[in-house]
PDB file of N, CA and C in Angstrom:
ATOM      1  N   MET A   1     -22.529   0.367  41.481  1.00  0.00           N
ATOM      2  CA  MET A   1     -22.675   1.769  41.683  1.00  0.00           C
ATOM      3  C   MET A   1     -21.496   2.316  42.433  1.00  0.00           C
ATOM      4  N   SER A   2     -21.322   3.600  42.215  1.00  0.00           N
ATOM      5  CA  SER A   2     -20.179   4.217  42.853  1.00  0.00           C
ATOM      6  C   SER A   2     -20.544   4.696  44.247  1.00  0.00           C
ATOM      7  N   ASP A   3     -19.556   4.793  45.027  1.00  0.00           N
ATOM      8  CA  ASP A   3     -19.741   5.225  46.413  1.00  0.00           C
ATOM      9  C   ASP A   3     -19.838   6.751  46.436  1.00  0.00           C
ATOM     10  N   PRO A   4     -20.914   7.345  47.012  1.00  0.00           N
ATOM     11  CA  PRO A   4     -21.071   8.809  47.017  1.00  0.00           C
ATOM     12  C   PRO A   4     -19.960   9.497  47.807  1.00  0.00           C
ATOM     13  N   ARG A   5     -19.339   8.820  48.728  1.00  0.00           N
ATOM     14  CA  ARG A   5     -18.272   9.434  49.513  1.00  0.00           C
ATOM     15  C   ARG A   5     -17.005   9.613  48.686  1.00  0.00           C
ATOM     16  N   ARG A   6     -16.897   8.935  47.601  1.00  0.00           N
ATOM     17  CA  ARG A   6     -15.680   8.991  46.806  1.00  0.00           C
ATOM     18  C   ARG A   6     -15.769  10.051  45.712  1.00  0.00           C
ATOM     19  N   GLN A   7     -16.943  10.682  45.500  1.00  0.00           N
ATOM     20  CA  GLN A   7     -17.056  11.731  44.490  1.00  0.00           C
ATOM     21  C   GLN A   7     -16.313  12.965  44.968  1.00  0.00           C
ATOM     22  N   SER A   8     -15.738  13.687  44.021  1.00  0.00           N
ATOM     23  CA  SER A   8     -15.010  14.885  44.416  1.00  0.00           C
ATOM     24  C   SER A   8     -16.010  16.008  44.709  1.00  0.00           C
ATOM     25  N   ARG A   9     -15.800  16.637  45.823  1.00  0.00           N
ATOM     26  CA  ARG A   9     -16.651  17.770  46.220  1.00  0.00           C
ATOM     27  C   ARG A   9     -15.786  19.022  46.231  1.00  0.00           C
ATOM     28  N   PRO A  10     -16.397  20.188  45.963  1.00  0.00           N
ATOM     29  CA  PRO A  10     -15.608  21.412  46.007  1.00  0.00           C
ATOM     30  C   PRO A  10     -15.124  21.691  47.426  1.00  0.00           C
ATOM     31  N   LEU A  11     -13.962  22.290  47.529  1.00  0.00           N
ATOM     32  CA  LEU A  11     -13.425  22.606  48.848  1.00  0.00           C
ATOM     33  C   LEU A  11     -14.283  23.649  49.565  1.00  0.00           C
ATOM     34  N   ILE A  12     -14.802  24.615  48.800  1.00  0.00           N
ATOM     35  CA  ILE A  12     -15.674  25.649  49.381  1.00  0.00           C
ATOM     36  C   ILE A  12     -16.976  25.605  48.606  1.00  0.00           C
ATOM     37  N   GLY A  13     -18.086  25.610  49.323  1.00  0.00           N
ATOM     38  CA  GLY A  13     -19.390  25.537  48.682  1.00  0.00           C
ATOM     39  C   GLY A  13     -19.714  26.804  47.901  1.00  0.00           C
ATOM     40  N   SER A  14     -20.636  26.660  46.931  1.00  0.00           N
ATOM     41  CA  SER A  14     -20.973  27.797  46.075  1.00  0.00           C
ATOM     42  C   SER A  14     -21.664  28.906  46.874  1.00  0.00           C
ATOM     43  N   HIS A  15     -22.421  28.561  47.869  1.00  0.00           N
ATOM     44  CA  HIS A  15     -23.081  29.551  48.704  1.00  0.00           C
ATOM     45  C   HIS A  15     -22.034  30.400  49.446  1.00  0.00           C
ATOM     46  N   THR A  16     -21.037  29.700  49.986  1.00  0.00           N
ATOM     47  CA  THR A  16     -19.959  30.396  50.701  1.00  0.00           C
ATOM     48  C   THR A  16     -19.155  31.260  49.738  1.00  0.00           C
ATOM     49  N   LEU A  17     -18.907  30.769  48.542  1.00  0.00           N
ATOM     50  CA  LEU A  17     -18.183  31.565  47.549  1.00  0.00           C
ATOM     51  C   LEU A  17     -18.950  32.836  47.182  1.00  0.00           C
ATOM     52  N   GLY A  18     -20.252  32.754  47.130  1.00  0.00           N
ATOM     53  CA  GLY A  18     -21.074  33.938  46.850  1.00  0.00           C
ATOM     54  C   GLY A  18     -20.897  35.001  47.922  1.00  0.00           C
ATOM     55  N   TRP A  19     -20.926  34.585  49.187  1.00  0.00           N
ATOM     56  CA  TRP A  19     -20.735  35.530  50.292  1.00  0.00           C
ATOM     57  C   TRP A  19     -19.324  36.114  50.304  1.00  0.00           C
ATOM     58  N   ILE A  20     -18.354  35.299  49.994  1.00  0.00           N
ATOM     59  CA  ILE A  20     -16.976  35.803  49.940  1.00  0.00           C
ATOM     60  C   ILE A  20     -16.841  36.821  48.804  1.00  0.00           C
ATOM     61  N   GLY A  21     -17.439  36.550  47.670  1.00  0.00           N
ATOM     62  CA  GLY A  21     -17.412  37.493  46.541  1.00  0.00           C
ATOM     63  C   GLY A  21     -18.075  38.817  46.897  1.00  0.00           C
ATOM     64  N   ALA A  22     -19.203  38.748  47.595  1.00  0.00           N
ATOM     65  CA  ALA A  22     -19.881  39.975  48.012  1.00  0.00           C
ATOM     66  C   ALA A  22     -19.010  40.777  48.978  1.00  0.00           C
ATOM     67  N   ALA A  23     -18.350  40.089  49.892  1.00  0.00           N
ATOM     68  CA  ALA A  23     -17.474  40.769  50.852  1.00  0.00           C
ATOM     69  C   ALA A  23     -16.298  41.430  50.137  1.00  0.00           C
ATOM     70  N   VAL A  24     -15.730  40.737  49.160  1.00  0.00           N
ATOM     71  CA  VAL A  24     -14.619  41.301  48.391  1.00  0.00           C
ATOM     72  C   VAL A  24     -15.100  42.542  47.619  1.00  0.00           C
ATOM     73  N   ALA A  25     -16.297  42.505  47.071  1.00  0.00           N
ATOM     74  CA  ALA A  25     -16.839  43.649  46.339  1.00  0.00           C
ATOM     75  C   ALA A  25     -17.022  44.840  47.283  1.00  0.00           C
ATOM     76  N   VAL A  26     -17.527  44.595  48.481  1.00  0.00           N
ATOM     77  CA  VAL A  26     -17.706  45.676  49.459  1.00  0.00           C
ATOM     78  C   VAL A  26     -16.352  46.278  49.842  1.00  0.00           C
ATOM     79  N   VAL A  27     -15.369  45.436  50.068  1.00  0.00           N
ATOM     80  CA  VAL A  27     -14.035  45.932  50.412  1.00  0.00           C
ATOM     81  C   VAL A  27     -13.462  46.752  49.260  1.00  0.00           C
ATOM     82  N   ALA A  28     -13.678  46.326  48.026  1.00  0.00           N
ATOM     83  CA  ALA A  28     -13.176  47.071  46.865  1.00  0.00           C
ATOM     84  C   ALA A  28     -13.844  48.439  46.760  1.00  0.00           C
ATOM     85  N   VAL A  29     -15.146  48.501  47.010  1.00  0.00           N
ATOM     86  CA  VAL A  29     -15.863  49.782  46.960  1.00  0.00           C
ATOM     87  C   VAL A  29     -15.369  50.710  48.063  1.00  0.00           C
ATOM     88  N   VAL A  30     -15.204  50.194  49.258  1.00  0.00           N
ATOM     89  CA  VAL A  30     -14.704  51.009  50.373  1.00  0.00           C
ATOM     90  C   VAL A  30     -13.301  51.517  50.074  1.00  0.00           C
ATOM     91  N   ALA A  31     -12.460  50.677  49.505  1.00  0.00           N
ATOM     92  CA  ALA A  31     -11.104  51.093  49.158  1.00  0.00           C
ATOM     93  C   ALA A  31     -11.124  52.182  48.088  1.00  0.00           C
ATOM     94  N   ALA A  32     -12.005  52.059  47.097  1.00  0.00           N
ATOM     95  CA  ALA A  32     -12.109  53.082  46.052  1.00  0.00           C
ATOM     96  C   ALA A  32     -12.596  54.405  46.629  1.00  0.00           C
ATOM     97  N   LEU A  33     -13.584  54.352  47.523  1.00  0.00           N
ATOM     98  CA  LEU A  33     -14.072  55.575  48.170  1.00  0.00           C
ATOM     99  C   LEU A  33     -12.988  56.218  49.034  1.00  0.00           C
ATOM    100  N   ALA A  34     -12.228  55.408  49.742  1.00  0.00           N
ATOM    101  CA  ALA A  34     -11.151  55.937  50.582  1.00  0.00           C
ATOM    102  C   ALA A  34     -10.078  56.597  49.715  1.00  0.00           C
ATOM    103  N   ALA A  35      -9.743  55.992  48.589  1.00  0.00           N
ATOM    104  CA  ALA A  35      -8.745  56.576  47.694  1.00  0.00           C
ATOM    105  C   ALA A  35      -9.249  57.889  47.105  1.00  0.00           C
ATOM    106  N   ALA A  36     -10.530  57.947  46.725  1.00  0.00           N
ATOM    107  CA  ALA A  36     -11.103  59.187  46.184  1.00  0.00           C
ATOM    108  C   ALA A  36     -11.136  60.277  47.246  1.00  0.00           C
ATOM    109  N   PHE A  37     -11.508  59.919  48.453  1.00  0.00           N
ATOM    110  CA  PHE A  37     -11.533  60.894  49.550  1.00  0.00           C
ATOM    111  C   PHE A  37     -10.138  61.429  49.826  1.00  0.00           C
ATOM    112  N   ARG A  38      -9.182  60.560  49.833  1.00  0.00           N
ATOM    113  CA  ARG A  38      -7.800  60.972  50.116  1.00  0.00           C
ATOM    114  C   ARG A  38      -7.269  61.883  49.001  1.00  0.00           C
ATOM    115  N   ALA A  39      -7.636  61.599  47.772  1.00  0.00           N
ATOM    116  CA  ALA A  39      -7.161  62.409  46.648  1.00  0.00           C
ATOM    117  C   ALA A  39      -7.816  63.791  46.637  1.00  0.00           C
ATOM    118  N   ASN A  40      -9.040  63.897  47.123  1.00  0.00           N
ATOM    119  CA  ASN A  40      -9.782  65.158  47.050  1.00  0.00           C
ATOM    120  C   ASN A  40      -9.906  65.871  48.390  1.00  0.00           C
ATOM    121  N   ARG A  41      -9.158  65.487  49.355  1.00  0.00           N
ATOM    122  CA  ARG A  41      -9.300  66.119  50.673  1.00  0.00           C
ATOM    123  C   ARG A  41      -8.825  67.566  50.631  1.00  0.00           C
ATOM    124  N   ALA A  42      -9.112  68.311  51.669  1.00  0.00           N
ATOM    125  CA  ALA A  42      -8.817  69.741  51.715  1.00  0.00           C
ATOM    126  C   ALA A  42      -7.322  70.011  51.614  1.00  0.00           C
ATOM    127  N   ALA A  43      -7.029  71.220  51.157  1.00  0.00           N
ATOM    128  CA  ALA A  43      -5.640  71.633  51.028  1.00  0.00           C
ATOM    129  C   ALA A  43      -5.017  71.795  52.417  1.00  0.00           C
ATOM    130  N   PRO A  44      -3.709  71.782  52.500  1.00  0.00           N
ATOM    131  CA  PRO A  44      -3.046  71.976  53.790  1.00  0.00           C
ATOM    132  C   PRO A  44      -3.401  73.332  54.393  1.00  0.00           C
ATOM    133  N   GLN A  45      -3.289  73.431  55.700  1.00  0.00           N
ATOM    134  CA  GLN A  45      -3.665  74.657  56.408  1.00  0.00           C
ATOM    135  C   GLN A  45      -2.855  75.866  55.941  1.00  0.00           C
ATOM    136  N   ALA A  46      -1.617  75.682  55.574  1.00  0.00           N
ATOM    137  CA  ALA A  46      -0.792  76.804  55.119  1.00  0.00           C
ATOM    138  C   ALA A  46      -1.376  77.416  53.843  1.00  0.00           C
ATOM    139  N   ALA A  47      -1.810  76.575  52.934  1.00  0.00           N
ATOM    140  CA  ALA A  47      -2.405  77.077  51.694  1.00  0.00           C
ATOM    141  C   ALA A  47      -3.716  77.788  51.979  1.00  0.00           C
ATOM    142  N   LEU A  48      -4.504  77.251  52.895  1.00  0.00           N
ATOM    143  CA  LEU A  48      -5.765  77.890  53.259  1.00  0.00           C
ATOM    144  C   LEU A  48      -5.523  79.244  53.914  1.00  0.00           C
ATOM    145  N   ALA A  49      -4.526  79.330  54.762  1.00  0.00           N
ATOM    146  CA  ALA A  49      -4.221  80.596  55.436  1.00  0.00           C
ATOM    147  C   ALA A  49      -3.755  81.641  54.430  1.00  0.00           C
ATOM    148  N   ALA A  50      -2.942  81.245  53.474  1.00  0.00           N
ATOM    149  CA  ALA A  50      -2.474  82.182  52.452  1.00  0.00           C
ATOM    150  C   ALA A  50      -3.636  82.672  51.591  1.00  0.00           C
ATOM    151  N   ASN A  51      -4.535  81.765  51.248  1.00  0.00           N
ATOM    152  CA  ASN A  51      -5.706  82.133  50.455  1.00  0.00           C
ATOM    153  C   ASN A  51      -6.589  83.095  51.233  1.00  0.00           C
ATOM    154  N   ARG A  52      -6.795  82.829  52.504  1.00  0.00           N
ATOM    155  CA  ARG A  52      -7.625  83.696  53.345  1.00  0.00           C
ATOM    156  C   ARG A  52      -6.995  85.083  53.469  1.00  0.00           C
ATOM    157  N   GLU A  53      -5.691  85.147  53.619  1.00  0.00           N
ATOM    158  CA  GLU A  53      -4.991  86.433  53.720  1.00  0.00           C
ATOM    159  C   GLU A  53      -5.157  87.230  52.423  1.00  0.00           C
ATOM    160  N   GLN A  54      -5.068  86.557  51.298  1.00  0.00           N
ATOM    161  CA  GLN A  54      -5.247  87.218  50.009  1.00  0.00           C
ATOM    162  C   GLN A  54      -6.676  87.745  49.862  1.00  0.00           C
ATOM    163  N   GLN A  55      -7.660  86.966  50.305  1.00  0.00           N
ATOM    164  CA  GLN A  55      -9.049  87.403  50.240  1.00  0.00           C
ATOM    165  C   GLN A  55      -9.281  88.636  51.111  1.00  0.00           C
ATOM    166  N   LEU A  56      -8.698  88.646  52.313  1.00  0.00           N
ATOM    167  CA  LEU A  56      -8.859  89.790  53.205  1.00  0.00           C
ATOM    168  C   LEU A  56      -8.220  91.042  52.614  1.00  0.00           C
ATOM    169  N   LYS A  57      -7.066  90.892  52.004  1.00  0.00           N
ATOM    170  CA  LYS A  57      -6.381  92.022  51.385  1.00  0.00           C
ATOM    171  C   LYS A  57      -7.247  92.608  50.267  1.00  0.00           C
ATOM    172  N   LEU A  58      -7.801  91.745  49.422  1.00  0.00           N
ATOM    173  CA  LEU A  58      -8.665  92.188  48.333  1.00  0.00           C
ATOM    174  C   LEU A  58      -9.908  92.875  48.881  1.00  0.00           C
ATOM    175  N   ARG A  59     -10.476  92.324  49.935  1.00  0.00           N
ATOM    176  CA  ARG A  59     -11.673  92.913  50.529  1.00  0.00           C
ATOM    177  C   ARG A  59     -11.381  94.309  51.071  1.00  0.00           C
ATOM    178  N   HIS A  60     -10.243  94.493  51.729  1.00  0.00           N
ATOM    179  CA  HIS A  60      -9.883  95.802  52.264  1.00  0.00           C
ATOM    180  C   HIS A  60      -9.678  96.815  51.140  1.00  0.00           C
ATOM    181  N   GLU A  61      -9.070  96.376  50.040  1.00  0.00           N
ATOM    182  CA  GLU A  61      -8.891  97.269  48.894  1.00  0.00           C
ATOM    183  C   GLU A  61     -10.239  97.712  48.324  1.00  0.00           C
ATOM    184  N   ILE A  62     -11.147  96.764  48.159  1.00  0.00           N
ATOM    185  CA  ILE A  62     -12.464  97.078  47.591  1.00  0.00           C
ATOM    186  C   ILE A  62     -13.243  97.998  48.532  1.00  0.00           C
ATOM    187  N   GLU A  63     -13.181  97.735  49.843  1.00  0.00           N
ATOM    188  CA  GLU A  63     -13.887  98.583  50.800  1.00  0.00           C
ATOM    189  C   GLU A  63     -13.316  99.998  50.813  1.00  0.00           C
ATOM    190  N   ALA A  64     -12.001 100.131  50.679  1.00  0.00           N
ATOM    191  CA  ALA A  64     -11.393 101.465  50.645  1.00  0.00           C
ATOM    192  C   ALA A  64     -11.858 102.232  49.409  1.00  0.00           C
ATOM    193  N   LYS A  65     -11.907 101.555  48.261  1.00  0.00           N
ATOM    194  CA  LYS A  65     -12.389 102.206  47.041  1.00  0.00           C
ATOM    195  C   LYS A  65     -13.858 102.592  47.181  1.00  0.00           C
ATOM    196  N   ALA A  66     -14.663 101.736  47.803  1.00  0.00           N
ATOM    197  CA  ALA A  66     -16.086 102.034  47.984  1.00  0.00           C
ATOM    198  C   ALA A  66     -16.277 103.220  48.919  1.00  0.00           C
ATOM    199  N   ARG A  67     -15.523 103.258  50.022  1.00  0.00           N
ATOM    200  CA  ARG A  67     -15.621 104.396  50.947  1.00  0.00           C
ATOM    201  C   ARG A  67     -15.233 105.695  50.248  1.00  0.00           C
ATOM    202  N   GLU A  68     -14.194 105.629  49.444  1.00  0.00           N
ATOM    203  CA  GLU A  68     -13.749 106.815  48.711  1.00  0.00           C
ATOM    204  C   GLU A  68     -14.826 107.269  47.725  1.00  0.00           C
ATOM    205  N   ALA A  69     -15.439 106.317  47.019  1.00  0.00           N
ATOM    206  CA  ALA A  69     -16.476 106.665  46.045  1.00  0.00           C
ATOM    207  C   ALA A  69     -17.715 107.229  46.732  1.00  0.00           C
ATOM    208  N   LEU A  70     -18.071 106.685  47.891  1.00  0.00           N
ATOM    209  CA  LEU A  70     -19.263 107.161  48.589  1.00  0.00           C
ATOM    210  C   LEU A  70     -19.044 108.508  49.269  1.00  0.00           C
ATOM    211  N   ALA A  71     -17.809 108.901  49.470  1.00  0.00           N
ATOM    212  CA  ALA A  71     -17.520 110.172  50.133  1.00  0.00           C
ATOM    213  C   ALA A  71     -17.688 111.350  49.172  1.00  0.00           C
ATOM    214  N   LYS A  72     -17.726 111.085  47.873  1.00  0.00           N
ATOM    215  CA  LYS A  72     -17.846 112.150  46.880  1.00  0.00           C
ATOM    216  C   LYS A  72     -19.218 112.075  46.213  1.00  0.00           C
ATOM    217  N   PRO A  73     -19.804 113.220  45.915  1.00  0.00           N
ATOM    218  CA  PRO A  73     -21.065 113.178  45.162  1.00  0.00           C
ATOM    219  C   PRO A  73     -20.810 112.695  43.736  1.00  0.00           C
ATOM    220  N   GLY A  74     -21.805 112.086  43.159  1.00  0.00           N
ATOM    221  CA  GLY A  74     -21.641 111.594  41.794  1.00  0.00           C
ATOM    222  C   GLY A  74     -22.913 110.934  41.298  1.00  0.00           C
ATOM    223  N   ARG A  75     -22.822 110.365  40.125  1.00  0.00           N
ATOM    224  CA  ARG A  75     -23.977 109.719  39.513  1.00  0.00           C
ATOM    225  C   ARG A  75     -23.766 108.201  39.537  1.00  0.00           C
ATOM    226  N   ASN A  76     -24.800 107.490  39.957  1.00  0.00           N
ATOM    227  CA  ASN A  76     -24.749 106.030  39.996  1.00  0.00           C
ATOM    228  C   ASN A  76     -25.008 105.460  38.606  1.00  0.00           C
ATOM    229  N   ALA A  77     -24.757 104.188  38.445  1.00  0.00           N
ATOM    230  CA  ALA A  77     -24.937 103.522  37.154  1.00  0.00           C
ATOM    231  C   ALA A  77     -26.400 103.497  36.722  1.00  0.00           C
ATOM    232  N   ASP A  78     -27.324 103.519  37.684  1.00  0.00           N
ATOM    233  CA  ASP A  78     -28.743 103.466  37.335  1.00  0.00           C
ATOM    234  C   ASP A  78     -29.351 104.844  37.084  1.00  0.00           C
ATOM    235  N   GLY A  79     -28.530 105.893  37.096  1.00  0.00           N
ATOM    236  CA  GLY A  79     -29.021 107.231  36.791  1.00  0.00           C
ATOM    237  C   GLY A  79     -29.345 108.076  38.009  1.00  0.00           C
ATOM    238  N   THR A  80     -29.327 107.496  39.177  1.00  0.00           N
ATOM    239  CA  THR A  80     -29.592 108.265  40.388  1.00  0.00           C
ATOM    240  C   THR A  80     -28.332 108.985  40.832  1.00  0.00           C
ATOM    241  N   TYR A  81     -28.513 109.945  41.714  1.00  0.00           N
ATOM    242  CA  TYR A  81     -27.370 110.697  42.213  1.00  0.00           C
ATOM    243  C   TYR A  81     -26.961 110.208  43.584  1.00  0.00           C
ATOM    244  N   ARG A  82     -25.679 110.216  43.802  1.00  0.00           N
ATOM    245  CA  ARG A  82     -25.117 109.805  45.083  1.00  0.00           C
ATOM    246  C   ARG A  82     -24.626 111.059  45.793  1.00  0.00           C
ATOM    247  N   VAL A  83     -25.193 111.308  46.994  1.00  0.00           N
ATOM    248  CA  VAL A  83     -24.801 112.466  47.782  1.00  0.00           C
ATOM    249  C   VAL A  83     -24.400 111.958  49.160  1.00  0.00           C
ATOM    250  N   PRO A  84     -23.232 112.348  49.657  1.00  0.00           N
ATOM    251  CA  PRO A  84     -22.820 111.905  50.990  1.00  0.00           C
ATOM    252  C   PRO A  84     -23.811 112.367  52.057  1.00  0.00           C
ATOM    253  N   ILE A  85     -24.038 111.514  53.038  1.00  0.00           N
ATOM    254  CA  ILE A  85     -25.054 111.775  54.050  1.00  0.00           C
ATOM    255  C   ILE A  85     -24.739 113.020  54.866  1.00  0.00           C
ATOM    256  N   ASP A  86     -23.468 113.315  55.100  1.00  0.00           N
ATOM    257  CA  ASP A  86     -23.159 114.507  55.886  1.00  0.00           C
ATOM    258  C   ASP A  86     -23.589 115.780  55.152  1.00  0.00           C
ATOM    259  N   GLN A  87     -23.495 115.780  53.817  1.00  0.00           N
ATOM    260  CA  GLN A  87     -23.964 116.934  53.052  1.00  0.00           C
ATOM    261  C   GLN A  87     -25.484 117.050  53.106  1.00  0.00           C
ATOM    262  N   VAL A  88     -26.169 115.932  53.052  1.00  0.00           N
ATOM    263  CA  VAL A  88     -27.632 115.938  53.129  1.00  0.00           C
ATOM    264  C   VAL A  88     -28.082 116.446  54.485  1.00  0.00           C
ATOM    265  N   LEU A  89     -27.460 115.960  55.531  1.00  0.00           N
ATOM    266  CA  LEU A  89     -27.848 116.398  56.873  1.00  0.00           C
ATOM    267  C   LEU A  89     -27.539 117.877  57.091  1.00  0.00           C
ATOM    268  N   ALA A  90     -26.406 118.329  56.574  1.00  0.00           N
ATOM    269  CA  ALA A  90     -26.069 119.743  56.702  1.00  0.00           C
ATOM    270  C   ALA A  90     -27.091 120.609  55.967  1.00  0.00           C
ATOM    271  N   LEU A  91     -27.496 120.193  54.783  1.00  0.00           N
ATOM    272  CA  LEU A  91     -28.496 120.938  54.018  1.00  0.00           C
ATOM    273  C   LEU A  91     -29.855 120.912  54.713  1.00  0.00           C
ATOM    274  N   ALA A  92     -30.222 119.757  55.256  1.00  0.00           N
ATOM    275  CA  ALA A  92     -31.502 119.651  55.953  1.00  0.00           C
ATOM    276  C   ALA A  92     -31.523 120.527  57.196  1.00  0.00           C
ATOM    277  N   ALA A  93     -30.422 120.613  57.906  1.00  0.00           N
ATOM    278  CA  ALA A  93     -30.365 121.459  59.100  1.00  0.00           C
ATOM    279  C   ALA A  93     -30.374 122.934  58.713  1.00  0.00           C
ATOM    280  N   LYS A  94     -29.738 123.242  57.595  1.00  0.00           N
ATOM    281  CA  LYS A  94     -29.625 124.635  57.167  1.00  0.00           C
ATOM    282  C   LYS A  94     -30.935 125.128  56.546  1.00  0.00           C
ATOM    283  N   GLU A  95     -31.511 124.309  55.655  1.00  0.00           N
ATOM    284  CA  GLU A  95     -32.736 124.704  54.947  1.00  0.00           C
ATOM    285  C   GLU A  95     -33.720 123.532  54.915  1.00  0.00           C
ATOM    286  N   PRO A  96     -34.560 123.382  55.946  1.00  0.00           N
ATOM    287  CA  PRO A  96     -35.514 122.266  55.971  1.00  0.00           C
ATOM    288  C   PRO A  96     -36.514 122.288  54.820  1.00  0.00           C
ATOM    289  N   SER A  97     -36.775 123.433  54.266  1.00  0.00           N
ATOM    290  CA  SER A  97     -37.746 123.508  53.166  1.00  0.00           C
ATOM    291  C   SER A  97     -37.238 122.761  51.929  1.00  0.00           C
ATOM    292  N   ARG A  98     -35.937 122.726  51.710  1.00  0.00           N
ATOM    293  CA  ARG A  98     -35.382 121.986  50.567  1.00  0.00           C
ATOM    294  C   ARG A  98     -35.624 120.488  50.724  1.00  0.00           C
ATOM    295  N   LEU A  99     -35.528 120.000  51.948  1.00  0.00           N
ATOM    296  CA  LEU A  99     -35.777 118.578  52.193  1.00  0.00           C
ATOM    297  C   LEU A  99     -37.242 118.255  51.912  1.00  0.00           C
ATOM    298  N   ASP A 100     -38.137 119.155  52.265  1.00  0.00           N
ATOM    299  CA  ASP A 100     -39.552 118.946  51.955  1.00  0.00           C
ATOM    300  C   ASP A 100     -39.778 118.896  50.446  1.00  0.00           C
ATOM    301  N   ALA A 101     -39.070 119.735  49.688  1.00  0.00           N
ATOM    302  CA  ALA A 101     -39.208 119.734  48.229  1.00  0.00           C
ATOM    303  C   ALA A 101     -38.723 118.408  47.650  1.00  0.00           C
ATOM    304  N   VAL A 102     -37.640 117.896  48.175  1.00  0.00           N
ATOM    305  CA  VAL A 102     -37.123 116.604  47.700  1.00  0.00           C
ATOM    306  C   VAL A 102     -38.114 115.498  48.025  1.00  0.00           C
ATOM    307  N   ARG A 103     -38.700 115.539  49.226  1.00  0.00           N
ATOM    308  CA  ARG A 103     -39.672 114.536  49.636  1.00  0.00           C
ATOM    309  C   ARG A 103     -40.901 114.579  48.731  1.00  0.00           C
ATOM    310  N   GLU A 104     -41.392 115.767  48.406  1.00  0.00           N
ATOM    311  CA  GLU A 104     -42.556 115.900  47.519  1.00  0.00           C
ATOM    312  C   GLU A 104     -42.235 115.358  46.125  1.00  0.00           C
ATOM    313  N   HIS A 105     -41.048 115.660  45.626  1.00  0.00           N
ATOM    314  CA  HIS A 105     -40.643 115.155  44.316  1.00  0.00           C
ATOM    315  C   HIS A 105     -40.595 113.620  44.323  1.00  0.00           C
ATOM    316  N   ALA A 106     -40.053 113.051  45.375  1.00  0.00           N
ATOM    317  CA  ALA A 106     -39.970 111.579  45.472  1.00  0.00           C
ATOM    318  C   ALA A 106     -41.360 110.967  45.526  1.00  0.00           C
ATOM    319  N   LEU A 107     -42.278 111.596  46.256  1.00  0.00           N
ATOM    320  CA  LEU A 107     -43.645 111.074  46.329  1.00  0.00           C
ATOM    321  C   LEU A 107     -44.342 111.163  44.975  1.00  0.00           C
ATOM    322  N   ARG A 108     -44.096 112.236  44.246  1.00  0.00           N
ATOM    323  CA  ARG A 108     -44.693 112.363  42.901  1.00  0.00           C
ATOM    324  C   ARG A 108     -44.164 111.279  41.974  1.00  0.00           C
ATOM    325  N   GLU A 109     -42.863 111.009  42.011  1.00  0.00           N
ATOM    326  CA  GLU A 109     -42.275 109.959  41.174  1.00  0.00           C
ATOM    327  C   GLU A 109     -42.819 108.581  41.549  1.00  0.00           C
ATOM    328  N   GLN A 110     -43.010 108.374  42.849  1.00  0.00           N
ATOM    329  CA  GLN A 110     -43.540 107.086  43.313  1.00  0.00           C
ATOM    330  C   GLN A 110     -44.976 106.920  42.835  1.00  0.00           C
ATOM    331  N   ALA A 111     -45.748 107.970  42.886  1.00  0.00           N
ATOM    332  CA  ALA A 111     -47.140 107.902  42.426  1.00  0.00           C
ATOM    333  C   ALA A 111     -47.215 107.692  40.916  1.00  0.00           C
ATOM    334  N   ALA A 112     -46.242 108.240  40.192  1.00  0.00           N
ATOM    335  CA  ALA A 112     -46.215 108.087  38.738  1.00  0.00           C
ATOM    336  C   ALA A 112     -45.755 106.694  38.314  1.00  0.00           C
ATOM    337  N   GLY A 113     -45.222 105.921  39.250  1.00  0.00           N
ATOM    338  CA  GLY A 113     -44.833 104.550  38.944  1.00  0.00           C
ATOM    339  C   GLY A 113     -43.382 104.406  38.536  1.00  0.00           C
ATOM    340  N   LYS A 114     -42.555 105.354  38.861  1.00  0.00           N
ATOM    341  CA  LYS A 114     -41.128 105.249  38.519  1.00  0.00           C
ATOM    342  C   LYS A 114     -40.388 104.418  39.502  1.00  0.00           C
TER     343      LYS A 114
END
């Protein structure tokens, strides 16, 4: 019979190789996540500041147009009329009976289900 000490044995056991393989897989996943994070990270601060400045400029333009539109009487897209509040208050102070007529009309429309 042969001597069991003379048989060739693997340098690293299969159990240990399994753990090493799992560790390598974890390192590969972490490296892939790090590469994806690095590729998709936020833009530089200069680009963000320029974008924010552009957004503020657009917002100021839109607000100026809205203020201008609200300062003039006109018809809204839904069919209602737009009257500046200073004109309404001036009319209410001048002729309170007209405001009562508008209120009665609104109550009638509300009761009718409009």
